[in-house]
């Protein structure tokens, strides 16, 4: 018996010099910053080095020309990070676009490859 075939699609944005600047990784990182109120905790929850998390954030900030995080250092309640309005807007746009692309691509995938289910035969039917 054959295996099911499925679609796995990821959307990544690239700068004009062809460097990756936004995709599922940074989207997850930003969502986890929202959850944990900390870039360090967000990175740790993804088993990512804090330095790599900052590198990813800075790359996107350089490409988009805006800050993505507002950070506070130490203090009575400790430091933390929150998304800037620009980061929220960028993240929302990315997630909406990904949802649209996913819905469209699943429909087109089913139209193009839906016949694959009929190709599968029971093991006893093979000659």
PDB file of N, CA and C in Angstrom:
ATOM      1  N   UNK A   1       0.845  -1.178   0.000  1.00  0.00           N
ATOM      2  CA  UNK A   1       0.000   0.000   0.000  1.00  0.00           C
ATOM      3  C   UNK A   1       0.889   1.240   0.000  1.00  0.00           C
ATOM      4  N   UNK A   2       0.535   2.207  -0.810  1.00  0.00           N
ATOM      5  CA  UNK A   2       1.319   3.438  -0.914  1.00  0.00           C
ATOM      6  C   UNK A   2       1.134   4.330   0.304  1.00  0.00           C
ATOM      7  N   UNK A   3       1.948   5.326   0.373  1.00  0.00           N
ATOM      8  CA  UNK A   3       1.868   6.297   1.462  1.00  0.00           C
ATOM      9  C   UNK A   3       1.110   7.526   0.982  1.00  0.00           C
ATOM     10  N   UNK A   4       0.480   8.209   1.914  1.00  0.00           N
ATOM     11  CA  UNK A   4      -0.207   9.451   1.574  1.00  0.00           C
ATOM     12  C   UNK A   4       0.813  10.516   1.194  1.00  0.00           C
ATOM     13  N   UNK A   5       0.470  11.290   0.216  1.00  0.00           N
ATOM     14  CA  UNK A   5       1.290  12.405  -0.229  1.00  0.00           C
ATOM     15  C   UNK A   5       0.622  13.677   0.279  1.00  0.00           C
ATOM     16  N   UNK A   6       1.418  14.565   0.834  1.00  0.00           N
ATOM     17  CA  UNK A   6       0.850  15.813   1.336  1.00  0.00           C
ATOM     18  C   UNK A   6       1.747  16.988   0.953  1.00  0.00           C
ATOM     19  N   UNK A   7       1.201  18.145   1.101  1.00  0.00           N
ATOM     20  CA  UNK A   7       1.899  19.377   0.767  1.00  0.00           C
ATOM     21  C   UNK A   7       2.509  19.986   2.020  1.00  0.00           C
ATOM     22  N   UNK A   8       3.745  20.417   1.913  1.00  0.00           N
ATOM     23  CA  UNK A   8       4.388  21.155   2.989  1.00  0.00           C
ATOM     24  C   UNK A   8       5.001  22.401   2.357  1.00  0.00           C
ATOM     25  N   UNK A   9       4.426  23.530   2.693  1.00  0.00           N
ATOM     26  CA  UNK A   9       4.815  24.779   2.064  1.00  0.00           C
ATOM     27  C   UNK A   9       5.261  25.761   3.138  1.00  0.00           C
ATOM     28  N   UNK A  10       6.366  26.440   2.898  1.00  0.00           N
ATOM     29  CA  UNK A  10       6.787  27.500   3.811  1.00  0.00           C
ATOM     30  C   UNK A  10       6.971  28.771   2.997  1.00  0.00           C
ATOM     31  N   UNK A  11       6.690  29.893   3.628  1.00  0.00           N
ATOM     32  CA  UNK A  11       6.834  31.194   2.985  1.00  0.00           C
ATOM     33  C   UNK A  11       7.979  31.927   3.672  1.00  0.00           C
ATOM     34  N   UNK A  12       8.944  32.337   2.870  1.00  0.00           N
ATOM     35  CA  UNK A  12      10.077  33.106   3.377  1.00  0.00           C
ATOM     36  C   UNK A  12      10.209  34.361   2.533  1.00  0.00           C
ATOM     37  N   UNK A  13      10.497  35.465   3.205  1.00  0.00           N
ATOM     38  CA  UNK A  13      10.710  36.728   2.517  1.00  0.00           C
ATOM     39  C   UNK A  13      12.204  36.980   2.415  1.00  0.00           C
ATOM     40  N   UNK A  14      12.632  37.524   1.276  1.00  0.00           N
ATOM     41  CA  UNK A  14      14.042  37.805   1.023  1.00  0.00           C
ATOM     42  C   UNK A  14      14.218  39.277   0.671  1.00  0.00           C
ATOM     43  N   UNK A  15      15.358  39.819   1.041  1.00  0.00           N
ATOM     44  CA  UNK A  15      15.685  41.193   0.675  1.00  0.00           C
ATOM     45  C   UNK A  15      16.108  41.232  -0.788  1.00  0.00           C
ATOM     46  N   UNK A  16      16.249  42.427  -1.336  1.00  0.00           N
ATOM     47  CA  UNK A  16      16.621  42.538  -2.742  1.00  0.00           C
ATOM     48  C   UNK A  16      18.018  41.998  -3.033  1.00  0.00           C
ATOM     49  N   UNK A  17      18.857  41.859  -2.005  1.00  0.00           N
ATOM     50  CA  UNK A  17      20.165  41.231  -2.203  1.00  0.00           C
ATOM     51  C   UNK A  17      20.128  39.733  -1.881  1.00  0.00           C
ATOM     52  N   UNK A  18      18.909  39.200  -1.843  1.00  0.00           N
ATOM     53  CA  UNK A  18      18.642  37.757  -1.725  1.00  0.00           C
ATOM     54  C   UNK A  18      19.036  37.152  -0.381  1.00  0.00           C
ATOM     55  N   UNK A  19      18.951  37.934   0.698  1.00  0.00           N
ATOM     56  CA  UNK A  19      19.161  37.407   2.039  1.00  0.00           C
ATOM     57  C   UNK A  19      17.808  37.196   2.695  1.00  0.00           C
ATOM     58  N   UNK A  20      17.658  36.053   3.329  1.00  0.00           N
ATOM     59  CA  UNK A  20      16.410  35.735   4.031  1.00  0.00           C
ATOM     60  C   UNK A  20      16.219  36.729   5.170  1.00  0.00           C
ATOM     61  N   UNK A  21      15.017  37.308   5.253  1.00  0.00           N
ATOM     62  CA  UNK A  21      14.786  38.318   6.288  1.00  0.00           C
ATOM     63  C   UNK A  21      13.533  38.058   7.130  1.00  0.00           C
ATOM     64  N   UNK A  22      12.640  37.197   6.669  1.00  0.00           N
ATOM     65  CA  UNK A  22      11.442  36.911   7.467  1.00  0.00           C
ATOM     66  C   UNK A  22      10.857  35.593   6.999  1.00  0.00           C
ATOM     67  N   UNK A  23      10.434  34.785   7.969  1.00  0.00           N
ATOM     68  CA  UNK A  23       9.843  33.496   7.633  1.00  0.00           C
ATOM     69  C   UNK A  23       9.254  32.860   8.869  1.00  0.00           C
ATOM     70  N   UNK A  24       9.022  31.562   8.822  1.00  0.00           N
ATOM     71  CA  UNK A  24       8.373  30.894   9.952  1.00  0.00           C
ATOM     72  C   UNK A  24       9.185  30.957  11.245  1.00  0.00           C
ATOM     73  N   UNK A  25      10.508  30.968  11.148  1.00  0.00           N
ATOM     74  CA  UNK A  25      11.340  31.014  12.350  1.00  0.00           C
ATOM     75  C   UNK A  25      11.199  32.311  13.118  1.00  0.00           C
ATOM     76  N   UNK A  26      11.348  33.435  12.429  1.00  0.00           N
ATOM     77  CA  UNK A  26      11.227  34.720  13.115  1.00  0.00           C
ATOM     78  C   UNK A  26       9.788  34.972  13.544  1.00  0.00           C
ATOM     79  N   UNK A  27       8.830  34.470  12.774  1.00  0.00           N
ATOM     80  CA  UNK A  27       7.423  34.613  13.184  1.00  0.00           C
ATOM     81  C   UNK A  27       7.191  33.897  14.518  1.00  0.00           C
ATOM     82  N   UNK A  28       7.717  32.684  14.635  1.00  0.00           N
ATOM     83  CA  UNK A  28       7.603  31.939  15.890  1.00  0.00           C
ATOM     84  C   UNK A  28       8.334  32.661  17.017  1.00  0.00           C
ATOM     85  N   UNK A  29       9.525  33.158  16.718  1.00  0.00           N
ATOM     86  CA  UNK A  29      10.296  33.882  17.722  1.00  0.00           C
ATOM     87  C   UNK A  29       9.515  35.097  18.234  1.00  0.00           C
ATOM     88  N   UNK A  30       8.928  35.877  17.345  1.00  0.00           N
ATOM     89  CA  UNK A  30       8.162  37.045  17.760  1.00  0.00           C
ATOM     90  C   UNK A  30       6.928  36.648  18.578  1.00  0.00           C
ATOM     91  N   UNK A  31       6.250  35.587  18.166  1.00  0.00           N
ATOM     92  CA  UNK A  31       5.090  35.114  18.940  1.00  0.00           C
ATOM     93  C   UNK A  31       5.520  34.697  20.348  1.00  0.00           C
ATOM     94  N   UNK A  32       6.663  34.082  20.451  1.00  0.00           N
ATOM     95  CA  UNK A  32       7.137  33.651  21.778  1.00  0.00           C
ATOM     96  C   UNK A  32       7.625  34.822  22.618  1.00  0.00           C
ATOM     97  N   UNK A  33       8.130  35.869  21.987  1.00  0.00           N
ATOM     98  CA  UNK A  33       8.447  37.088  22.732  1.00  0.00           C
ATOM     99  C   UNK A  33       7.157  37.648  23.322  1.00  0.00           C
ATOM    100  N   UNK A  34       6.077  37.640  22.539  1.00  0.00           N
ATOM    101  CA  UNK A  34       4.774  38.085  23.055  1.00  0.00           C
ATOM    102  C   UNK A  34       4.355  37.257  24.262  1.00  0.00           C
ATOM    103  N   UNK A  35       4.583  35.972  24.190  1.00  0.00           N
ATOM    104  CA  UNK A  35       4.181  35.051  25.257  1.00  0.00           C
ATOM    105  C   UNK A  35       5.041  35.205  26.512  1.00  0.00           C
ATOM    106  N   UNK A  36       6.352  35.262  26.322  1.00  0.00           N
ATOM    107  CA  UNK A  36       7.287  35.259  27.455  1.00  0.00           C
ATOM    108  C   UNK A  36       7.743  36.654  27.895  1.00  0.00           C
ATOM    109  N   UNK A  37       7.465  37.664  27.078  1.00  0.00           N
ATOM    110  CA  UNK A  37       7.910  39.040  27.367  1.00  0.00           C
ATOM    111  C   UNK A  37       9.422  39.123  27.511  1.00  0.00           C
ATOM    112  N   UNK A  38      10.117  38.290  26.753  1.00  0.00           N
ATOM    113  CA  UNK A  38      11.572  38.237  26.847  1.00  0.00           C
ATOM    114  C   UNK A  38      12.127  37.557  25.602  1.00  0.00           C
ATOM    115  N   UNK A  39      13.112  38.196  24.972  1.00  0.00           N
ATOM    116  CA  UNK A  39      13.760  37.556  23.832  1.00  0.00           C
ATOM    117  C   UNK A  39      14.574  36.354  24.297  1.00  0.00           C
ATOM    118  N   UNK A  40      15.235  36.478  25.436  1.00  0.00           N
ATOM    119  CA  UNK A  40      16.037  35.364  25.956  1.00  0.00           C
ATOM    120  C   UNK A  40      15.151  34.137  26.217  1.00  0.00           C
ATOM    121  N   UNK A  41      14.010  34.340  26.860  1.00  0.00           N
ATOM    122  CA  UNK A  41      13.097  33.220  27.144  1.00  0.00           C
ATOM    123  C   UNK A  41      12.484  32.671  25.859  1.00  0.00           C
ATOM    124  N   UNK A  42      12.169  33.557  24.917  1.00  0.00           N
ATOM    125  CA  UNK A  42      11.619  33.108  23.634  1.00  0.00           C
ATOM    126  C   UNK A  42      12.622  32.228  22.906  1.00  0.00           C
ATOM    127  N   UNK A  43      13.876  32.679  22.850  1.00  0.00           N
ATOM    128  CA  UNK A  43      14.930  31.900  22.194  1.00  0.00           C
ATOM    129  C   UNK A  43      15.127  30.556  22.895  1.00  0.00           C
ATOM    130  N   UNK A  44      15.159  30.579  24.220  1.00  0.00           N
ATOM    131  CA  UNK A  44      15.339  29.336  24.978  1.00  0.00           C
ATOM    132  C   UNK A  44      14.205  28.356  24.711  1.00  0.00           C
ATOM    133  N   UNK A  45      12.982  28.864  24.576  1.00  0.00           N
ATOM    134  CA  UNK A  45      11.832  27.980  24.324  1.00  0.00           C
ATOM    135  C   UNK A  45      11.917  27.310  22.958  1.00  0.00           C
ATOM    136  N   UNK A  46      12.740  27.877  22.079  1.00  0.00           N
ATOM    137  CA  UNK A  46      12.943  27.305  20.746  1.00  0.00           C
ATOM    138  C   UNK A  46      14.283  26.571  20.651  1.00  0.00           C
ATOM    139  N   UNK A  47      14.972  26.462  21.799  1.00  0.00           N
ATOM    140  CA  UNK A  47      16.304  25.860  21.841  1.00  0.00           C
ATOM    141  C   UNK A  47      17.246  26.577  20.871  1.00  0.00           C
ATOM    142  N   UNK A  48      17.166  27.909  20.886  1.00  0.00           N
ATOM    143  CA  UNK A  48      17.966  28.756  20.025  1.00  0.00           C
ATOM    144  C   UNK A  48      18.888  29.600  20.898  1.00  0.00           C
ATOM    145  N   UNK A  49      20.094  29.815  20.446  1.00  0.00           N
ATOM    146  CA  UNK A  49      21.017  30.677  21.170  1.00  0.00           C
ATOM    147  C   UNK A  49      20.481  32.106  21.172  1.00  0.00           C
ATOM    148  N   UNK A  50      20.645  32.774  22.300  1.00  0.00           N
ATOM    149  CA  UNK A  50      20.210  34.166  22.431  1.00  0.00           C
ATOM    150  C   UNK A  50      20.888  35.043  21.380  1.00  0.00           C
ATOM    151  N   UNK A  51      22.156  34.793  21.116  1.00  0.00           N
ATOM    152  CA  UNK A  51      22.891  35.583  20.116  1.00  0.00           C
ATOM    153  C   UNK A  51      22.302  35.385  18.718  1.00  0.00           C
ATOM    154  N   UNK A  52      21.871  34.174  18.417  1.00  0.00           N
ATOM    155  CA  UNK A  52      21.244  33.910  17.120  1.00  0.00           C
ATOM    156  C   UNK A  52      19.900  34.628  17.036  1.00  0.00           C
ATOM    157  N   UNK A  53      19.142  34.623  18.123  1.00  0.00           N
ATOM    158  CA  UNK A  53      17.854  35.318  18.136  1.00  0.00           C
ATOM    159  C   UNK A  53      18.047  36.799  17.848  1.00  0.00           C
ATOM    160  N   UNK A  54      19.038  37.412  18.490  1.00  0.00           N
ATOM    161  CA  UNK A  54      19.311  38.824  18.241  1.00  0.00           C
ATOM    162  C   UNK A  54      19.748  39.050  16.797  1.00  0.00           C
ATOM    163  N   UNK A  55      20.549  38.138  16.251  1.00  0.00           N
ATOM    164  CA  UNK A  55      21.006  38.267  14.864  1.00  0.00           C
ATOM    165  C   UNK A  55      19.817  38.229  13.902  1.00  0.00           C
ATOM    166  N   UNK A  56      18.889  37.333  14.147  1.00  0.00           N
ATOM    167  CA  UNK A  56      17.697  37.226  13.305  1.00  0.00           C
ATOM    168  C   UNK A  56      16.859  38.499  13.388  1.00  0.00           C
ATOM    169  N   UNK A  57      16.669  38.990  14.606  1.00  0.00           N
ATOM    170  CA  UNK A  57      15.891  40.223  14.807  1.00  0.00           C
ATOM    171  C   UNK A  57      16.577  41.396  14.107  1.00  0.00           C
ATOM    172  N   UNK A  58      17.876  41.542  14.297  1.00  0.00           N
ATOM    173  CA  UNK A  58      18.607  42.676  13.694  1.00  0.00           C
ATOM    174  C   UNK A  58      18.603  42.613  12.170  1.00  0.00           C
ATOM    175  N   UNK A  59      18.704  41.427  11.621  1.00  0.00           N
ATOM    176  CA  UNK A  59      18.646  41.287  10.162  1.00  0.00           C
ATOM    177  C   UNK A  59      17.315  41.808   9.641  1.00  0.00           C
ATOM    178  N   UNK A  60      16.230  41.378  10.263  1.00  0.00           N
ATOM    179  CA  UNK A  60      14.905  41.837   9.832  1.00  0.00           C
ATOM    180  C   UNK A  60      14.757  43.340  10.039  1.00  0.00           C
ATOM    181  N   UNK A  61      15.238  43.838  11.164  1.00  0.00           N
ATOM    182  CA  UNK A  61      15.158  45.286  11.416  1.00  0.00           C
ATOM    183  C   UNK A  61      15.899  46.077  10.351  1.00  0.00           C
ATOM    184  N   UNK A  62      17.061  45.593   9.936  1.00  0.00           N
ATOM    185  CA  UNK A  62      17.833  46.283   8.895  1.00  0.00           C
ATOM    186  C   UNK A  62      17.102  46.277   7.559  1.00  0.00           C
ATOM    187  N   UNK A  63      16.492  45.171   7.213  1.00  0.00           N
ATOM    188  CA  UNK A  63      15.784  45.074   5.938  1.00  0.00           C
ATOM    189  C   UNK A  63      14.529  45.948   5.945  1.00  0.00           C
ATOM    190  N   UNK A  64      13.749  45.877   7.011  1.00  0.00           N
ATOM    191  CA  UNK A  64      12.480  46.604   7.043  1.00  0.00           C
ATOM    192  C   UNK A  64      12.637  48.059   7.506  1.00  0.00           C
ATOM    193  N   UNK A  65      13.785  48.385   8.060  1.00  0.00           N
ATOM    194  CA  UNK A  65      14.041  49.765   8.450  1.00  0.00           C
ATOM    195  C   UNK A  65      13.273  50.235   9.670  1.00  0.00           C
ATOM    196  N   UNK A  66      12.987  49.308  10.571  1.00  0.00           N
ATOM    197  CA  UNK A  66      12.267  49.671  11.803  1.00  0.00           C
ATOM    198  C   UNK A  66      12.661  48.720  12.922  1.00  0.00           C
ATOM    199  N   UNK A  67      12.445  49.142  14.142  1.00  0.00           N
ATOM    200  CA  UNK A  67      12.687  48.285  15.303  1.00  0.00           C
ATOM    201  C   UNK A  67      11.533  47.291  15.422  1.00  0.00           C
ATOM    202  N   UNK A  68      11.865  46.066  15.809  1.00  0.00           N
ATOM    203  CA  UNK A  68      10.839  45.041  16.029  1.00  0.00           C
ATOM    204  C   UNK A  68      10.575  44.812  17.504  1.00  0.00           C
ATOM    205  N   UNK A  69      11.560  45.123  18.343  1.00  0.00           N
ATOM    206  CA  UNK A  69      11.415  44.911  19.782  1.00  0.00           C
ATOM    207  C   UNK A  69      11.766  46.179  20.544  1.00  0.00           C
ATOM    208  N   UNK A  70      11.057  46.377  21.631  1.00  0.00           N
ATOM    209  CA  UNK A  70      11.422  47.389  22.611  1.00  0.00           C
ATOM    210  C   UNK A  70      11.850  46.625  23.847  1.00  0.00           C
ATOM    211  N   UNK A  71      13.090  46.848  24.262  1.00  0.00           N
ATOM    212  CA  UNK A  71      13.646  46.097  25.392  1.00  0.00           C
ATOM    213  C   UNK A  71      13.855  47.004  26.585  1.00  0.00           C
ATOM    214  N   UNK A  72      13.679  46.422  27.760  1.00  0.00           N
ATOM    215  CA  UNK A  72      14.031  47.105  29.002  1.00  0.00           C
ATOM    216  C   UNK A  72      15.075  46.251  29.702  1.00  0.00           C
ATOM    217  N   UNK A  73      15.987  46.902  30.375  1.00  0.00           N
ATOM    218  CA  UNK A  73      17.093  46.200  31.037  1.00  0.00           C
ATOM    219  C   UNK A  73      16.890  46.234  32.539  1.00  0.00           C
ATOM    220  N   UNK A  74      17.003  45.061  33.162  1.00  0.00           N
ATOM    221  CA  UNK A  74      16.981  44.942  34.626  1.00  0.00           C
ATOM    222  C   UNK A  74      15.848  45.678  35.298  1.00  0.00           C
ATOM    223  N   UNK A  75      16.171  46.347  36.387  1.00  0.00           N
ATOM    224  CA  UNK A  75      15.156  47.084  37.125  1.00  0.00           C
ATOM    225  C   UNK A  75      14.477  46.230  38.178  1.00  0.00           C
ATOM    226  N   UNK A  76      13.500  46.807  38.813  1.00  0.00           N
ATOM    227  CA  UNK A  76      12.798  46.156  39.916  1.00  0.00           C
ATOM    228  C   UNK A  76      12.124  44.847  39.491  1.00  0.00           C
ATOM    229  N   UNK A  77      11.559  44.842  38.290  1.00  0.00           N
ATOM    230  CA  UNK A  77      10.837  43.656  37.815  1.00  0.00           C
ATOM    231  C   UNK A  77      11.630  42.867  36.772  1.00  0.00           C
ATOM    232  N   UNK A  78      12.908  43.157  36.640  1.00  0.00           N
ATOM    233  CA  UNK A  78      13.731  42.483  35.650  1.00  0.00           C
ATOM    234  C   UNK A  78      13.528  43.083  34.273  1.00  0.00           C
ATOM    235  N   UNK A  79      14.342  42.672  33.333  1.00  0.00           N
ATOM    236  CA  UNK A  79      14.238  43.190  31.970  1.00  0.00           C
ATOM    237  C   UNK A  79      13.127  42.490  31.217  1.00  0.00           C
ATOM    238  N   UNK A  80      12.970  42.892  29.990  1.00  0.00           N
ATOM    239  CA  UNK A  80      11.954  42.267  29.169  1.00  0.00           C
ATOM    240  C   UNK A  80      11.952  42.843  27.778  1.00  0.00           C
ATOM    241  N   UNK A  81      11.070  42.320  26.955  1.00  0.00           N
ATOM    242  CA  UNK A  81      10.944  42.782  25.582  1.00  0.00           C
ATOM    243  C   UNK A  81       9.486  42.708  25.164  1.00  0.00           C
ATOM    244  N   UNK A  82       9.081  43.662  24.362  1.00  0.00           N
ATOM    245  CA  UNK A  82       7.743  43.660  23.770  1.00  0.00           C
ATOM    246  C   UNK A  82       7.882  43.987  22.292  1.00  0.00           C
ATOM    247  N   UNK A  83       6.907  43.539  21.516  1.00  0.00           N
ATOM    248  CA  UNK A  83       6.906  43.837  20.092  1.00  0.00           C
ATOM    249  C   UNK A  83       6.512  45.291  19.876  1.00  0.00           C
ATOM    250  N   UNK A  84       7.161  45.907  18.921  1.00  0.00           N
ATOM    251  CA  UNK A  84       6.781  47.259  18.534  1.00  0.00           C
ATOM    252  C   UNK A  84       5.511  47.177  17.684  1.00  0.00           C
ATOM    253  N   UNK A  85       4.808  48.282  17.495  1.00  0.00           N
ATOM    254  CA  UNK A  85       3.643  48.271  16.597  1.00  0.00           C
ATOM    255  C   UNK A  85       4.009  47.802  15.182  1.00  0.00           C
ATOM    256  N   UNK A  86       5.207  48.169  14.726  1.00  0.00           N
ATOM    257  CA  UNK A  86       5.653  47.735  13.398  1.00  0.00           C
ATOM    258  C   UNK A  86       5.821  46.216  13.341  1.00  0.00           C
ATOM    259  N   UNK A  87       6.355  45.639  14.401  1.00  0.00           N
ATOM    260  CA  UNK A  87       6.523  44.185  14.450  1.00  0.00           C
ATOM    261  C   UNK A  87       5.165  43.490  14.456  1.00  0.00           C
ATOM    262  N   UNK A  88       4.222  44.038  15.212  1.00  0.00           N
ATOM    263  CA  UNK A  88       2.876  43.450  15.238  1.00  0.00           C
ATOM    264  C   UNK A  88       2.235  43.495  13.853  1.00  0.00           C
ATOM    265  N   UNK A  89       2.401  44.628  13.183  1.00  0.00           N
ATOM    266  CA  UNK A  89       1.819  44.783  11.845  1.00  0.00           C
ATOM    267  C   UNK A  89       2.480  43.822  10.857  1.00  0.00           C
ATOM    268  N   UNK A  90       3.797  43.727  10.901  1.00  0.00           N
ATOM    269  CA  UNK A  90       4.535  42.829  10.024  1.00  0.00           C
ATOM    270  C   UNK A  90       4.157  41.371  10.278  1.00  0.00           C
ATOM    271  N   UNK A  91       4.087  40.993  11.538  1.00  0.00           N
ATOM    272  CA  UNK A  91       3.727  39.626  11.895  1.00  0.00           C
ATOM    273  C   UNK A  91       2.306  39.294  11.451  1.00  0.00           C
ATOM    274  N   UNK A  92       1.376  40.212  11.665  1.00  0.00           N
ATOM    275  CA  UNK A  92      -0.019  39.990  11.251  1.00  0.00           C
ATOM    276  C   UNK A  92      -0.111  39.861   9.726  1.00  0.00           C
ATOM    277  N   UNK A  93       0.607  40.713   8.997  1.00  0.00           N
ATOM    278  CA  UNK A  93       0.593  40.650   7.534  1.00  0.00           C
ATOM    279  C   UNK A  93       1.171  39.325   7.049  1.00  0.00           C
ATOM    280  N   UNK A  94       2.284  38.913   7.655  1.00  0.00           N
ATOM    281  CA  UNK A  94       2.920  37.647   7.281  1.00  0.00           C
ATOM    282  C   UNK A  94       1.975  36.479   7.534  1.00  0.00           C
ATOM    283  N   UNK A  95       1.374  36.430   8.712  1.00  0.00           N
ATOM    284  CA  UNK A  95       0.492  35.318   9.054  1.00  0.00           C
ATOM    285  C   UNK A  95      -0.752  35.294   8.171  1.00  0.00           C
ATOM    286  N   UNK A  96      -1.303  36.450   7.833  1.00  0.00           N
ATOM    287  CA  UNK A  96      -2.474  36.496   6.939  1.00  0.00           C
ATOM    288  C   UNK A  96      -2.087  36.020   5.542  1.00  0.00           C
ATOM    289  N   UNK A  97      -0.935  36.460   5.068  1.00  0.00           N
ATOM    290  CA  UNK A  97      -0.455  36.047   3.749  1.00  0.00           C
ATOM    291  C   UNK A  97      -0.218  34.540   3.706  1.00  0.00           C
ATOM    292  N   UNK A  98       0.437  34.007   4.738  1.00  0.00           N
ATOM    293  CA  UNK A  98       0.699  32.571   4.801  1.00  0.00           C
ATOM    294  C   UNK A  98      -0.618  31.786   4.796  1.00  0.00           C
ATOM    295  N   UNK A  99      -1.602  32.250   5.539  1.00  0.00           N
ATOM    296  CA  UNK A  99      -2.905  31.570   5.564  1.00  0.00           C
ATOM    297  C   UNK A  99      -3.550  31.574   4.178  1.00  0.00           C
ATOM    298  N   UNK A 100      -3.477  32.704   3.482  1.00  0.00           N
ATOM    299  CA  UNK A 100      -4.043  32.788   2.129  1.00  0.00           C
ATOM    300  C   UNK A 100      -3.308  31.866   1.165  1.00  0.00           C
ATOM    301  N   UNK A 101      -1.981  31.887   1.203  1.00  0.00           N
ATOM    302  CA  UNK A 101      -1.178  31.042   0.328  1.00  0.00           C
ATOM    303  C   UNK A 101      -1.453  29.573   0.639  1.00  0.00           C
ATOM    304  N   UNK A 102      -1.558  29.236   1.926  1.00  0.00           N
ATOM    305  CA  UNK A 102      -1.815  27.855   2.328  1.00  0.00           C
ATOM    306  C   UNK A 102      -3.167  27.375   1.801  1.00  0.00           C
ATOM    307  N   UNK A 103      -4.202  28.190   1.968  1.00  0.00           N
ATOM    308  CA  UNK A 103      -5.540  27.797   1.496  1.00  0.00           C
ATOM    309  C   UNK A 103      -5.537  27.603  -0.021  1.00  0.00           C
ATOM    310  N   UNK A 104      -4.950  28.543  -0.733  1.00  0.00           N
ATOM    311  CA  UNK A 104      -4.890  28.447  -2.190  1.00  0.00           C
ATOM    312  C   UNK A 104      -4.082  27.231  -2.632  1.00  0.00           C
ATOM    313  N   UNK A 105      -2.912  27.043  -2.026  1.00  0.00           N
ATOM    314  CA  UNK A 105      -2.042  25.951  -2.453  1.00  0.00           C
ATOM    315  C   UNK A 105      -2.634  24.581  -2.130  1.00  0.00           C
ATOM    316  N   UNK A 106      -3.351  24.463  -1.020  1.00  0.00           N
ATOM    317  CA  UNK A 106      -3.994  23.176  -0.705  1.00  0.00           C
ATOM    318  C   UNK A 106      -5.071  22.846  -1.733  1.00  0.00           C
ATOM    319  N   UNK A 107      -5.825  23.859  -2.121  1.00  0.00           N
ATOM    320  CA  UNK A 107      -6.855  23.662  -3.147  1.00  0.00           C
ATOM    321  C   UNK A 107      -6.209  23.225  -4.457  1.00  0.00           C
ATOM    322  N   UNK A 108      -5.173  23.922  -4.887  1.00  0.00           N
ATOM    323  CA  UNK A 108      -4.483  23.583  -6.132  1.00  0.00           C
ATOM    324  C   UNK A 108      -3.799  22.222  -6.034  1.00  0.00           C
ATOM    325  N   UNK A 109      -3.259  21.892  -4.866  1.00  0.00           N
ATOM    326  CA  UNK A 109      -2.633  20.591  -4.667  1.00  0.00           C
ATOM    327  C   UNK A 109      -3.672  19.478  -4.837  1.00  0.00           C
ATOM    328  N   UNK A 110      -4.830  19.657  -4.207  1.00  0.00           N
ATOM    329  CA  UNK A 110      -5.895  18.643  -4.334  1.00  0.00           C
ATOM    330  C   UNK A 110      -6.342  18.499  -5.782  1.00  0.00           C
ATOM    331  N   UNK A 111      -6.448  19.616  -6.493  1.00  0.00           N
ATOM    332  CA  UNK A 111      -6.834  19.555  -7.908  1.00  0.00           C
ATOM    333  C   UNK A 111      -5.778  18.824  -8.739  1.00  0.00           C
ATOM    334  N   UNK A 112      -4.528  19.086  -8.475  1.00  0.00           N
ATOM    335  CA  UNK A 112      -3.443  18.509  -9.274  1.00  0.00           C
ATOM    336  C   UNK A 112      -3.114  17.073  -8.892  1.00  0.00           C
ATOM    337  N   UNK A 113      -3.163  16.763  -7.603  1.00  0.00           N
ATOM    338  CA  UNK A 113      -2.689  15.457  -7.143  1.00  0.00           C
ATOM    339  C   UNK A 113      -3.745  14.611  -6.446  1.00  0.00           C
ATOM    340  N   UNK A 114      -4.996  15.040  -6.464  1.00  0.00           N
ATOM    341  CA  UNK A 114      -6.062  14.273  -5.832  1.00  0.00           C
ATOM    342  C   UNK A 114      -6.192  12.869  -6.398  1.00  0.00           C
ATOM    343  N   UNK A 115      -5.804  12.696  -7.659  1.00  0.00           N
ATOM    344  CA  UNK A 115      -5.886  11.385  -8.302  1.00  0.00           C
ATOM    345  C   UNK A 115      -4.937  10.367  -7.675  1.00  0.00           C
ATOM    346  N   UNK A 116      -3.941  10.826  -6.927  1.00  0.00           N
ATOM    347  CA  UNK A 116      -2.957   9.900  -6.344  1.00  0.00           C
ATOM    348  C   UNK A 116      -3.610   8.877  -5.422  1.00  0.00           C
ATOM    349  N   UNK A 117      -4.684   9.268  -4.758  1.00  0.00           N
ATOM    350  CA  UNK A 117      -5.373   8.318  -3.872  1.00  0.00           C
ATOM    351  C   UNK A 117      -5.913   7.120  -4.657  1.00  0.00           C
ATOM    352  N   UNK A 118      -6.335   7.357  -5.895  1.00  0.00           N
ATOM    353  CA  UNK A 118      -6.878   6.256  -6.697  1.00  0.00           C
ATOM    354  C   UNK A 118      -5.776   5.368  -7.272  1.00  0.00           C
ATOM    355  N   UNK A 119      -4.523   5.808  -7.239  1.00  0.00           N
ATOM    356  CA  UNK A 119      -3.415   4.992  -7.726  1.00  0.00           C
ATOM    357  C   UNK A 119      -3.024   3.909  -6.741  1.00  0.00           C
ATOM    358  N   UNK A 120      -3.359   4.133  -5.481  1.00  0.00           N
ATOM    359  CA  UNK A 120      -2.977   3.183  -4.446  1.00  0.00           C
ATOM    360  C   UNK A 120      -3.848   1.941  -4.549  1.00  0.00           C
ATOM    361  N   UNK A 121      -3.186   0.801  -4.533  1.00  0.00           N
ATOM    362  CA  UNK A 121      -3.911  -0.467  -4.604  1.00  0.00           C
ATOM    363  C   UNK A 121      -3.626  -1.266  -3.355  1.00  0.00           C
ATOM    364  N   UNK A 122      -4.491  -2.175  -3.044  1.00  0.00           N
ATOM    365  CA  UNK A 122      -4.236  -3.103  -1.946  1.00  0.00           C
ATOM    366  C   UNK A 122      -3.058  -3.990  -2.325  1.00  0.00           C
ATOM    367  N   UNK A 123      -2.319  -4.446  -1.320  1.00  0.00           N
ATOM    368  CA  UNK A 123      -1.141  -5.282  -1.573  1.00  0.00           C
ATOM    369  C   UNK A 123      -1.497  -6.536  -2.364  1.00  0.00           C
ATOM    370  N   UNK A 124      -2.669  -7.075  -2.149  1.00  0.00           N
ATOM    371  CA  UNK A 124      -3.078  -8.290  -2.846  1.00  0.00           C
ATOM    372  C   UNK A 124      -3.431  -8.068  -4.290  1.00  0.00           C
ATOM    373  N   UNK A 125      -3.660  -6.814  -4.714  1.00  0.00           N
ATOM    374  CA  UNK A 125      -4.043  -6.519  -6.083  1.00  0.00           C
ATOM    375  C   UNK A 125      -2.863  -6.412  -7.033  1.00  0.00           C
ATOM    376  N   UNK A 126      -1.644  -6.257  -6.496  1.00  0.00           N
ATOM    377  CA  UNK A 126      -0.477  -6.075  -7.357  1.00  0.00           C
ATOM    378  C   UNK A 126      -0.176  -7.362  -8.093  1.00  0.00           C
ATOM    379  N   UNK A 127       0.207  -7.238  -9.369  1.00  0.00           N
ATOM    380  CA  UNK A 127       0.561  -8.444 -10.147  1.00  0.00           C
ATOM    381  C   UNK A 127       1.972  -8.394 -10.633  1.00  0.00           C
TER     382      UNK A 127
END
